[in-house]
Amino acid sequence: MSKTERIELRVSADDKAAITAAAAAEQVTTTDFVRGAVFDRVEHVRARADRTVMPAAQFDALVAALDASDDNPNLARAFASRRRFVQG
């Protein structure tokens, strides 16, 4: 894929020196180092967006509620009736 877009970033002289040194330690260009760091963060944010995080006690209560039987006659009738459509 062609790289045609630019993102510019202003940093302090100390930050630039730290980024440049880290890139050199990884034996990559500063651009590749920054791009890699950004995409590591992108993947982290995307992964977090796909998950629901909750305290363990809340999760245990959720699982217990899902495991508890619920006498719902309408739902039982719906599952007991013949299907109108069958996957072929």
Protein backbone atom coordinates (compact mmCIF):
# COMPACT_ATOMS: atom_id res chain seq x y z
CA MET A 1 0.00 0.00 0.00
CA SER A 2 1.32 3.43 -0.94
CA LYS A 3 2.17 5.81 1.88
CA THR A 4 0.89 9.21 0.79
CA GLU A 5 -0.46 10.77 3.98
CA ARG A 6 1.52 12.72 6.56
CA ILE A 7 1.09 13.22 10.28
CA GLU A 8 3.27 15.86 11.88
CA LEU A 9 4.17 15.99 15.54
CA ARG A 10 5.91 18.60 17.65
CA VAL A 11 8.04 17.39 20.53
CA SER A 12 10.60 18.89 22.86
CA ALA A 13 14.31 18.55 22.07
CA ASP A 14 14.63 16.05 24.94
CA ASP A 15 11.73 13.96 23.63
CA LYS A 16 13.19 13.96 20.13
CA ALA A 17 16.57 12.86 21.46
CA ALA A 18 14.93 10.04 23.44
CA ILE A 19 12.91 8.87 20.43
CA THR A 20 15.96 9.02 18.15
CA ALA A 21 18.07 7.08 20.66
CA ALA A 22 15.38 4.42 21.06
CA ALA A 23 15.06 4.09 17.29
CA ALA A 24 18.84 3.70 16.98
CA ALA A 25 18.81 1.04 19.72
CA GLU A 26 16.18 -0.86 17.70
CA GLN A 27 18.19 -0.25 14.50
CA VAL A 28 15.24 1.34 12.70
CA THR A 29 14.57 4.81 11.40
CA THR A 30 12.88 7.32 13.66
CA THR A 31 9.87 7.27 11.34
CA ASP A 32 9.59 3.47 11.53
CA PHE A 33 10.05 3.56 15.29
CA VAL A 34 7.29 6.16 15.80
CA ARG A 35 4.98 4.40 13.31
CA GLY A 36 5.51 1.09 15.12
CA ALA A 37 4.83 2.65 18.52
CA VAL A 38 1.66 4.30 17.24
CA PHE A 39 0.34 1.07 15.71
CA ASP A 40 1.12 -0.87 18.89
CA ARG A 41 -1.11 1.64 20.68
CA VAL A 42 -3.76 1.42 17.93
CA GLU A 43 -3.97 -2.35 18.40
CA HIS A 44 -4.21 -1.93 22.18
CA VAL A 45 -7.08 0.55 21.87
CA ARG A 46 -8.92 -1.60 19.32
CA ALA A 47 -8.54 -4.72 21.47
CA ARG A 48 -9.83 -2.88 24.53
CA ALA A 49 -12.85 -1.64 22.55
CA ASP A 50 -13.76 -5.24 21.71
CA ARG A 51 -13.79 -6.37 25.34
CA THR A 52 -16.00 -5.73 28.31
CA VAL A 53 -13.99 -5.31 31.48
CA MET A 54 -15.64 -5.65 34.88
CA PRO A 55 -14.68 -6.56 38.43
CA ALA A 56 -14.50 -10.30 39.17
CA ALA A 57 -17.46 -10.16 41.58
CA GLN A 58 -19.63 -8.51 38.93
CA PHE A 59 -18.59 -11.13 36.36
CA ASP A 60 -19.42 -13.95 38.80
CA ALA A 61 -22.86 -12.42 39.43
CA LEU A 62 -23.45 -12.16 35.67
CA VAL A 63 -22.53 -15.81 35.09
CA ALA A 64 -24.71 -16.90 38.01
CA ALA A 65 -27.65 -14.94 36.57
CA LEU A 66 -27.15 -16.56 33.17
CA ASP A 67 -27.04 -20.02 34.74
CA ALA A 68 -30.21 -19.49 36.80
CA SER A 69 -33.34 -20.97 35.28
CA ASP A 70 -36.06 -18.56 34.28
CA ASP A 71 -39.58 -19.89 33.92
CA ASN A 72 -40.86 -17.96 30.95
CA PRO A 73 -43.80 -19.78 29.36
CA ASN A 74 -43.80 -17.65 26.19
CA LEU A 75 -40.15 -18.42 25.54
CA ALA A 76 -40.66 -22.12 26.27
CA ARG A 77 -43.57 -22.22 23.80
CA ALA A 78 -41.53 -20.46 21.13
CA PHE A 79 -38.72 -23.00 21.39
CA ALA A 80 -41.15 -25.91 21.45
CA SER A 81 -43.00 -24.85 18.29
CA ARG A 82 -42.03 -26.01 14.81
CA ARG A 83 -39.72 -23.66 12.92
CA ARG A 84 -41.08 -21.79 9.93
CA PHE A 85 -37.72 -21.65 8.25
CA VAL A 86 -35.09 -24.35 8.11
CA GLN A 87 -31.51 -23.71 7.11
CA GLY A 88 -30.68 -25.84 4.09
